Amino acid sequence: MDVELSRRLSRLLDHVEHWLPPAPQEVDWERDVAALWQRHVLGGRLLPVPPRDSLALDDLLGIERQKLALVDNTRAFLRGLPANHALLWGSRGSGKSSLIRAMLNSLASEGLRLVQVDRHDLAGLPMLVEQLRRQPHRFVVYCDDLSFEGHDDAYKALKSVLDGALTGPPPNVLLYATSNRRHLLPESMADNEGSRLVGEELHHGDAVEEKISLSDRFGLWLGFYPFNQDTYLEACCHWVTQLGSEQDWGAEARAEAIRYATLRGGRSGRGAWQFACQWVGRRRLHESA
């Protein structure tokens, strides 16, 4: 009976095998410079991914101070010098995620390796860090668009890895995160009810202290802000020239770029890129008609 059952199971597996996805490719950190961490019920796995694009640091305009600070911090880390975990926070489309991509493109040759973790997979962060601890390379573990809701406990795993565990993060791992929120956790009026004045000092309540303590574990804070009009137009000119040619930028393009930002209700690096795609694409389409 056992032999017959074994035969049936073997035939079933032969039929099912054709429908199964291929086994995931193993990460080779000598070849691969970036990977995604995917958590599952049995732990997690790393999936290698190629660089998304060839974005360079010089392509990012209007954020010179932030670029210099983050690259210096990362280079210090790659050379075994003291460095901080980094929180890039600020307005949408202002270059936070782009700076991480451009930094990887620029510093991969110096030994930088990047692992991206989705916010929903943060519960597996301690396991990932322990895997990377045994590697000879240096890793930035990166979480994009990081924020938590009031009922979300995933931030506790992040706090533990950043500074809360006895062992702490290994010397070959730094954590970088981008967020629209400086304090990562939502704040409400009720949180301030526990605050009080002691003499001339304001003492926050427990709820506020809990929310501030997560951001405080990032030693490097970099703020990103909306562009003024001159910086926005400089970025538009850069991307129009990159995607097209110098002849594509002129008074007409400048006026249209201003109109584009007005209709969208803001100026940003992302908006400059999107305008350039629209402007150059439309011009080329009409030229070929």
Protein backbone atom coordinates (compact mmCIF):
# COMPACT_ATOMS: atom_id res chain seq x y z
CA MET A 1 0.00 0.00 0.00
CA ASP A 2 2.84 2.36 0.87
CA VAL A 3 4.57 1.55 -2.42
CA GLU A 4 1.40 2.31 -4.42
CA LEU A 5 0.87 5.58 -2.56
CA SER A 6 4.46 6.53 -3.27
CA ARG A 7 3.97 5.87 -6.98
CA ARG A 8 0.82 7.96 -7.07
CA LEU A 9 2.52 10.85 -5.31
CA SER A 10 5.46 10.62 -7.70
CA ARG A 11 3.14 10.78 -10.74
CA LEU A 12 1.29 13.72 -9.21
CA LEU A 13 4.51 15.62 -8.64
CA ASP A 14 5.61 14.92 -12.23
CA HIS A 15 2.41 16.58 -13.48
CA VAL A 16 2.57 19.52 -11.08
CA GLU A 17 6.27 20.25 -11.65
CA HIS A 18 5.61 21.80 -15.05
CA TRP A 19 3.37 24.42 -13.43
CA LEU A 20 5.75 25.39 -10.66
CA PRO A 21 7.80 28.60 -11.01
CA PRO A 22 11.55 28.15 -11.44
CA ALA A 23 13.62 28.05 -8.28
CA PRO A 24 14.78 31.52 -7.28
CA GLN A 25 18.30 32.48 -8.30
CA GLU A 26 20.79 32.58 -5.48
CA VAL A 27 22.43 35.91 -4.71
CA ASP A 28 26.10 36.11 -5.63
CA TRP A 29 27.40 39.24 -3.91
CA GLU A 30 30.52 39.23 -6.07
CA ARG A 31 28.26 39.73 -9.09
CA ASP A 32 25.01 41.17 -7.71
CA VAL A 33 24.94 44.61 -6.13
CA ALA A 34 21.29 44.70 -5.04
CA ALA A 35 18.64 42.29 -3.77
CA LEU A 36 15.10 42.24 -2.43
CA TRP A 37 14.28 40.61 0.89
CA GLN A 38 11.05 38.58 0.85
CA ARG A 39 9.72 37.25 4.13
CA HIS A 40 7.66 34.04 4.26
CA VAL A 41 6.35 31.70 6.94
CA LEU A 42 9.58 29.70 7.01
CA GLY A 43 11.84 32.73 7.26
CA GLY A 44 12.86 34.75 4.22
CA ARG A 45 14.99 34.82 1.11
CA LEU A 46 17.06 37.25 -0.92
CA LEU A 47 16.25 37.75 -4.61
CA PRO A 48 18.92 39.44 -6.76
CA VAL A 49 17.77 42.40 -8.86
CA PRO A 50 19.69 44.38 -11.48
CA PRO A 51 20.10 48.15 -11.02
CA ARG A 52 16.92 49.90 -12.11
CA ASP A 53 18.69 52.51 -14.24
CA SER A 54 21.97 54.38 -14.71
CA LEU A 55 20.92 57.43 -12.68
CA ALA A 56 24.00 59.36 -11.56
CA LEU A 57 24.51 61.65 -8.59
CA ASP A 58 25.12 64.57 -10.97
CA ASP A 59 21.60 64.07 -12.37
CA LEU A 60 20.08 65.07 -9.03
CA LEU A 61 19.84 68.83 -8.78
CA GLY A 62 18.78 70.99 -5.86
CA ILE A 63 19.90 68.55 -3.16
CA GLU A 64 23.65 69.14 -3.04
CA ARG A 65 23.88 69.23 0.76
CA GLN A 66 21.92 66.00 1.12
CA LYS A 67 24.00 64.24 -1.55
CA LEU A 68 27.29 65.22 0.09
CA ALA A 69 26.16 64.17 3.57
CA LEU A 70 24.82 60.77 2.50
CA VAL A 71 27.74 59.90 0.22
CA ASP A 72 30.28 60.89 2.89
CA ASN A 73 28.43 58.80 5.48
CA THR A 74 28.29 55.80 3.12
CA ARG A 75 31.92 56.06 2.09
CA ALA A 76 32.98 56.17 5.74
CA PHE A 77 30.94 53.00 6.32
CA LEU A 78 32.51 51.25 3.32
CA ARG A 79 35.98 52.02 4.68
CA GLY A 80 35.20 50.65 8.13
CA LEU A 81 34.94 54.09 9.74
CA PRO A 82 32.15 55.22 12.09
CA ALA A 83 28.90 55.97 10.25
CA ASN A 84 25.23 56.53 11.07
CA HIS A 85 21.94 54.99 10.06
CA ALA A 86 20.17 57.54 7.86
CA LEU A 87 16.60 58.80 7.58
CA LEU A 88 15.75 60.75 4.43
CA TRP A 89 12.47 62.54 5.03
CA GLY A 90 10.48 65.27 3.35
CA SER A 91 8.11 66.19 0.56
CA ARG A 92 7.10 63.73 -2.13
CA GLY A 93 9.09 63.64 -5.35
CA SER A 94 11.99 65.60 -3.88
CA GLY A 95 14.71 63.03 -4.64
CA LYS A 96 14.90 60.78 -1.57
CA SER A 97 14.58 57.42 -3.36
CA SER A 98 16.47 58.68 -6.40
CA LEU A 99 19.42 59.56 -4.19
CA ILE A 100 19.59 55.98 -2.89
CA ARG A 101 19.55 54.60 -6.46
CA ALA A 102 22.17 57.05 -7.70
CA MET A 103 24.37 56.32 -4.68
CA LEU A 104 24.27 52.58 -5.40
CA ASN A 105 25.20 53.20 -9.05
CA SER A 106 28.14 55.36 -7.95
CA LEU A 107 29.45 53.35 -5.00
CA ALA A 108 28.84 49.73 -6.02
CA SER A 109 32.36 49.64 -7.44
CA GLU A 110 33.65 50.67 -4.00
CA GLY A 111 31.96 47.69 -2.35
CA LEU A 112 28.44 48.94 -1.57
CA ARG A 113 25.67 46.32 -1.62
CA LEU A 114 21.99 47.20 -1.17
CA VAL A 115 19.12 45.11 0.21
CA GLN A 116 15.63 46.58 -0.06
CA VAL A 117 13.03 45.56 2.51
CA ASP A 118 9.34 46.30 2.10
CA ARG A 119 7.68 47.87 5.14
CA HIS A 120 5.35 44.87 5.42
CA ASP A 121 8.37 42.54 5.69
CA LEU A 122 10.07 44.41 8.54
CA ALA A 123 9.12 41.72 11.03
CA GLY A 124 11.77 39.55 9.34
CA LEU A 125 14.44 42.26 9.60
CA PRO A 126 16.34 40.66 12.52
CA MET A 127 16.62 37.42 10.53
CA LEU A 128 17.91 39.28 7.47
CA VAL A 129 20.49 41.16 9.51
CA GLU A 130 21.77 37.91 11.00
CA GLN A 131 22.22 36.50 7.49
CA LEU A 132 24.17 39.55 6.37
CA ARG A 133 26.32 39.49 9.51
CA ARG A 134 28.14 36.44 8.15
CA GLN A 135 28.91 38.01 4.77
CA PRO A 136 32.26 39.66 3.96
CA HIS A 137 30.57 42.57 2.15
CA ARG A 138 29.11 45.82 3.47
CA PHE A 139 25.36 46.34 3.15
CA VAL A 140 22.89 49.16 3.30
CA VAL A 141 19.49 47.74 4.19
CA TYR A 142 16.98 50.12 2.67
CA CYS A 143 13.26 50.65 3.29
CA ASP A 144 11.47 53.02 0.92
CA ASP A 145 8.47 55.14 1.89
CA LEU A 146 8.63 54.04 5.50
CA SER A 147 5.74 54.94 7.80
CA PHE A 148 3.58 53.16 10.35
CA GLU A 149 -0.03 53.38 11.43
CA GLY A 150 -1.08 53.48 15.05
CA HIS A 151 -1.95 49.76 15.21
CA ASP A 152 1.20 48.65 13.34
CA ASP A 153 3.79 46.87 15.52
CA ALA A 154 6.34 46.29 12.73
CA TYR A 155 8.28 49.36 13.89
CA LYS A 156 9.34 47.44 17.01
CA ALA A 157 11.51 45.11 14.90
CA LEU A 158 13.11 48.15 13.28
CA LYS A 159 13.78 49.78 16.66
CA SER A 160 15.36 46.58 17.95
CA VAL A 161 17.72 46.24 15.00
CA LEU A 162 18.66 49.92 15.00
CA ASP A 163 19.65 50.20 18.62
CA GLY A 164 17.58 48.09 20.96
CA ALA A 165 19.05 44.59 20.93
CA LEU A 166 21.98 43.52 23.07
CA THR A 167 24.12 42.73 20.06
CA GLY A 168 22.99 45.66 17.91
CA PRO A 169 23.41 45.69 14.14
CA PRO A 170 26.61 44.07 12.82
CA PRO A 171 29.44 46.37 11.72
CA ASN A 172 28.82 45.50 8.05
CA VAL A 173 25.16 46.69 8.01
CA LEU A 174 23.63 50.18 7.98
CA LEU A 175 19.93 51.00 7.72
CA TYR A 176 18.69 53.76 5.40
CA ALA A 177 15.02 54.72 5.14
CA THR A 178 12.98 57.27 3.21
CA SER A 179 9.73 58.71 4.49
CA ASN A 180 7.37 61.63 4.07
CA ARG A 181 7.18 61.76 7.89
CA ARG A 182 10.06 62.88 10.04
CA HIS A 183 8.84 60.87 13.06
CA LEU A 184 7.62 57.87 11.00
CA LEU A 185 4.64 57.21 13.30
CA PRO A 186 1.34 59.13 13.08
CA GLU A 187 0.85 61.93 15.58
CA SER A 188 -2.49 63.06 17.01
CA MET A 189 -3.77 65.75 19.33
CA ALA A 190 -4.41 63.09 21.98
CA ASP A 191 -0.69 62.30 22.11
CA ASN A 192 0.00 65.77 23.48
CA GLU A 193 -2.43 65.41 26.38
CA GLY A 194 0.28 63.71 28.43
CA SER A 195 2.76 66.56 27.90
CA ARG A 196 3.32 68.92 30.82
CA LEU A 197 5.43 71.86 31.90
CA VAL A 198 7.97 71.22 34.65
CA GLY A 199 9.33 74.61 35.57
CA GLU A 200 10.20 76.08 32.18
CA GLU A 201 10.78 72.72 30.47
CA LEU A 202 8.26 70.85 28.33
CA HIS A 203 8.12 67.15 29.15
CA HIS A 204 6.47 64.97 26.52
CA GLY A 205 4.08 62.21 27.44
CA ASP A 206 4.85 58.52 26.88
CA ALA A 207 3.02 58.40 23.54
CA VAL A 208 5.08 61.24 22.07
CA GLU A 209 8.33 59.86 23.47
CA GLU A 210 7.60 56.47 21.87
CA LYS A 211 7.12 58.07 18.47
CA ILE A 212 10.14 60.32 18.66
CA SER A 213 12.40 57.51 19.90
CA LEU A 214 12.17 55.60 16.60
CA SER A 215 13.45 58.51 14.51
CA ASP A 216 16.12 59.25 17.11
CA ARG A 217 17.74 55.91 16.36
CA PHE A 218 18.76 57.28 12.95
CA GLY A 219 21.88 59.34 13.56
CA LEU A 220 21.73 61.13 10.19
CA TRP A 221 18.56 63.07 9.35
CA LEU A 222 18.36 64.60 5.88
CA GLY A 223 15.40 66.85 5.06
CA PHE A 224 14.09 67.26 1.48
CA TYR A 225 11.92 70.20 0.51
CA PRO A 226 9.90 71.44 -2.49
CA PHE A 227 11.94 73.18 -5.18
CA ASN A 228 11.79 76.89 -5.80
CA GLN A 229 11.08 77.90 -9.37
CA ASP A 230 14.71 78.43 -10.41
CA THR A 231 15.78 74.99 -9.17
CA TYR A 232 12.74 73.35 -10.74
CA LEU A 233 13.47 74.95 -14.14
CA GLU A 234 17.13 73.95 -13.86
CA ALA A 235 16.04 70.34 -13.32
CA CYS A 236 13.58 70.56 -16.23
CA CYS A 237 16.34 71.87 -18.51
CA HIS A 238 18.68 69.08 -17.40
CA TRP A 239 16.21 66.29 -18.10
CA VAL A 240 14.91 67.76 -21.38
CA THR A 241 18.50 67.96 -22.59
CA GLN A 242 19.26 64.43 -21.36
CA LEU A 243 16.18 62.86 -22.93
CA GLY A 244 16.28 64.98 -26.06
CA SER A 245 18.80 67.65 -27.04
CA GLU A 246 19.72 71.23 -26.20
CA GLN A 247 17.45 72.40 -29.01
CA ASP A 248 14.44 71.02 -27.11
CA TRP A 249 14.88 73.57 -24.32
CA GLY A 250 13.92 77.18 -24.91
CA ALA A 251 11.41 79.86 -24.01
CA GLU A 252 8.46 77.72 -25.09
CA ALA A 253 9.62 74.74 -23.04
CA ARG A 254 10.27 76.99 -20.04
CA ALA A 255 6.78 78.45 -20.15
CA GLU A 256 5.25 75.01 -20.55
CA ALA A 257 7.29 73.69 -17.58
CA ILE A 258 5.93 76.47 -15.37
CA ARG A 259 2.39 75.68 -16.53
CA TYR A 260 2.95 71.98 -15.84
CA ALA A 261 4.05 72.64 -12.25
CA THR A 262 1.13 75.02 -11.67
CA LEU A 263 -1.39 72.42 -12.79
CA ARG A 264 0.18 69.80 -10.51
CA GLY A 265 0.28 72.14 -7.54
CA GLY A 266 3.99 71.88 -6.77
CA ARG A 267 7.58 71.80 -7.99
CA SER A 268 9.84 68.80 -7.50
CA GLY A 269 12.55 66.76 -9.13
CA ARG A 270 10.01 64.09 -10.01
CA GLY A 271 7.79 66.71 -11.63
CA ALA A 272 10.75 67.97 -13.66
CA TRP A 273 11.45 64.45 -14.92
CA GLN A 274 7.79 63.86 -15.78
CA PHE A 275 7.56 67.17 -17.62
CA ALA A 276 10.69 66.31 -19.64
CA CYS A 277 9.23 62.93 -20.63
CA GLN A 278 6.02 64.59 -21.80
CA TRP A 279 7.72 67.47 -23.59
CA VAL A 280 10.40 65.49 -25.43
CA GLY A 281 8.07 62.58 -26.23
CA ARG A 282 5.45 64.87 -27.74
CA ARG A 283 8.01 66.81 -29.80
CA ARG A 284 9.51 63.63 -31.21
CA LEU A 285 6.07 62.27 -32.00
CA HIS A 286 5.11 65.39 -33.96
CA GLU A 287 8.45 65.45 -35.76
CA SER A 288 7.93 61.92 -37.04
CA ALA A 289 4.30 62.51 -38.10
